[in-house]
Amino acid sequence: MSQRMTVSGMSCDGCEVSVEESLTAVSGVTGVEVDRTTETAIIEGSATVDELVAAIEEAGYEATDAET
């Protein structure tokens, strides 16, 4: 399953890496692609939207489900 998230607050490559690492650490995540220029993260796996949002917010960024 693939989830598309909107992530705001990323301003550099380090931000992308931080979000990617936070999402990769979530149980059930099998792949992550983060792009600060489009403010998106595409996450593969079985993690819930709530788990993904929590991981992004814990990393210090704002997140919403782009599918809604």
C-alpha atoms as a PDB file:
ATOM      1  CA  MET A   1       0.000   0.000   0.000  1.00  0.00           C
ATOM      2  CA  SER A   2       1.212   3.500  -0.810  1.00  0.00           C
ATOM      3  CA  GLN A   3       0.453   6.670   1.170  1.00  0.00           C
ATOM      4  CA  ARG A   4       1.100  10.200  -0.081  1.00  0.00           C
ATOM      5  CA  MET A   5       1.709  12.788   2.638  1.00  0.00           C
ATOM      6  CA  THR A   6       2.094  16.548   2.457  1.00  0.00           C
ATOM      7  CA  VAL A   7       5.066  17.649   4.576  1.00  0.00           C
ATOM      8  CA  SER A   8       5.647  21.336   5.257  1.00  0.00           C
ATOM      9  CA  GLY A   9       8.648  23.000   6.840  1.00  0.00           C
ATOM     10  CA  MET A  10      11.435  21.241   4.921  1.00  0.00           C
ATOM     11  CA  SER A  11      14.024  23.709   3.638  1.00  0.00           C
ATOM     12  CA  CYS A  12      17.153  21.665   2.854  1.00  0.00           C
ATOM     13  CA  ASP A  13      18.545  18.234   2.026  1.00  0.00           C
ATOM     14  CA  GLY A  14      19.024  17.585   5.726  1.00  0.00           C
ATOM     15  CA  CYS A  15      15.297  18.103   6.274  1.00  0.00           C
ATOM     16  CA  GLU A  16      14.504  15.503   3.629  1.00  0.00           C
ATOM     17  CA  VAL A  17      16.902  13.047   5.270  1.00  0.00           C
ATOM     18  CA  SER A  18      15.393  13.693   8.706  1.00  0.00           C
ATOM     19  CA  VAL A  19      11.849  13.026   7.472  1.00  0.00           C
ATOM     20  CA  GLU A  20      12.987   9.966   5.523  1.00  0.00           C
ATOM     21  CA  GLU A  21      14.769   8.496   8.547  1.00  0.00           C
ATOM     22  CA  SER A  22      11.791   9.143  10.805  1.00  0.00           C
ATOM     23  CA  LEU A  23       9.406   7.455   8.394  1.00  0.00           C
ATOM     24  CA  THR A  24      11.723   4.513   7.745  1.00  0.00           C
ATOM     25  CA  ALA A  25      11.795   3.825  11.497  1.00  0.00           C
ATOM     26  CA  VAL A  26       7.996   3.328  11.604  1.00  0.00           C
ATOM     27  CA  SER A  27       6.985  -0.324  11.834  1.00  0.00           C
ATOM     28  CA  GLY A  28       5.506  -1.556   8.569  1.00  0.00           C
ATOM     29  CA  VAL A  29       7.224   1.003   6.324  1.00  0.00           C
ATOM     30  CA  THR A  30       9.035  -0.680   3.427  1.00  0.00           C
ATOM     31  CA  GLY A  31      10.008   2.341   1.311  1.00  0.00           C
ATOM     32  CA  VAL A  32      10.101   6.139   1.492  1.00  0.00           C
ATOM     33  CA  GLU A  33      10.591   8.906  -1.063  1.00  0.00           C
ATOM     34  CA  VAL A  34      10.705  12.495   0.245  1.00  0.00           C
ATOM     35  CA  ASP A  35      10.823  15.659  -1.900  1.00  0.00           C
ATOM     36  CA  ARG A  36      11.070  19.038  -0.212  1.00  0.00           C
ATOM     37  CA  THR A  37      10.401  21.003  -3.418  1.00  0.00           C
ATOM     38  CA  THR A  38       6.956  19.426  -3.788  1.00  0.00           C
ATOM     39  CA  GLU A  39       6.491  19.083  -0.013  1.00  0.00           C
ATOM     40  CA  THR A  40       5.590  15.423  -0.394  1.00  0.00           C
ATOM     41  CA  ALA A  41       6.487  12.064   1.042  1.00  0.00           C
ATOM     42  CA  ILE A  42       5.429   8.814  -0.591  1.00  0.00           C
ATOM     43  CA  ILE A  43       5.494   5.938   1.832  1.00  0.00           C
ATOM     44  CA  GLU A  44       5.197   2.244   0.938  1.00  0.00           C
ATOM     45  CA  GLY A  45       4.059  -0.299   3.483  1.00  0.00           C
ATOM     46  CA  SER A  46       1.352  -1.056   5.982  1.00  0.00           C
ATOM     47  CA  ALA A  47       1.779   1.782   8.514  1.00  0.00           C
ATOM     48  CA  THR A  48      -1.311   3.838   9.313  1.00  0.00           C
ATOM     49  CA  VAL A  49      -1.701   7.505   8.424  1.00  0.00           C
ATOM     50  CA  ASP A  50      -1.715   8.379  12.134  1.00  0.00           C
ATOM     51  CA  GLU A  51       1.613   6.600  12.649  1.00  0.00           C
ATOM     52  CA  LEU A  52       3.151   8.390   9.669  1.00  0.00           C
ATOM     53  CA  VAL A  53       1.893  11.819  10.733  1.00  0.00           C
ATOM     54  CA  ALA A  54       3.199  11.234  14.268  1.00  0.00           C
ATOM     55  CA  ALA A  55       6.657  10.288  12.961  1.00  0.00           C
ATOM     56  CA  ILE A  56       6.864  13.380  10.752  1.00  0.00           C
ATOM     57  CA  GLU A  57       5.667  15.675  13.526  1.00  0.00           C
ATOM     58  CA  GLU A  58       8.140  14.090  15.953  1.00  0.00           C
ATOM     59  CA  ALA A  59      10.881  15.022  13.478  1.00  0.00           C
ATOM     60  CA  GLY A  60       9.708  18.641  13.713  1.00  0.00           C
ATOM     61  CA  TYR A  61       7.611  19.061  10.558  1.00  0.00           C
ATOM     62  CA  GLU A  62       3.914  19.476   9.759  1.00  0.00           C
ATOM     63  CA  ALA A  63       2.175  16.588   7.995  1.00  0.00           C
ATOM     64  CA  THR A  64      -1.201  15.825   6.475  1.00  0.00           C
ATOM     65  CA  ASP A  65      -2.562  13.001   4.385  1.00  0.00           C
ATOM     66  CA  ALA A  66      -2.423  14.268   0.788  1.00  0.00           C
ATOM     67  CA  GLU A  67      -5.159  11.809  -0.191  1.00  0.00           C
ATOM     68  CA  THR A  68      -7.874  13.629   1.761  1.00  0.00           C
END
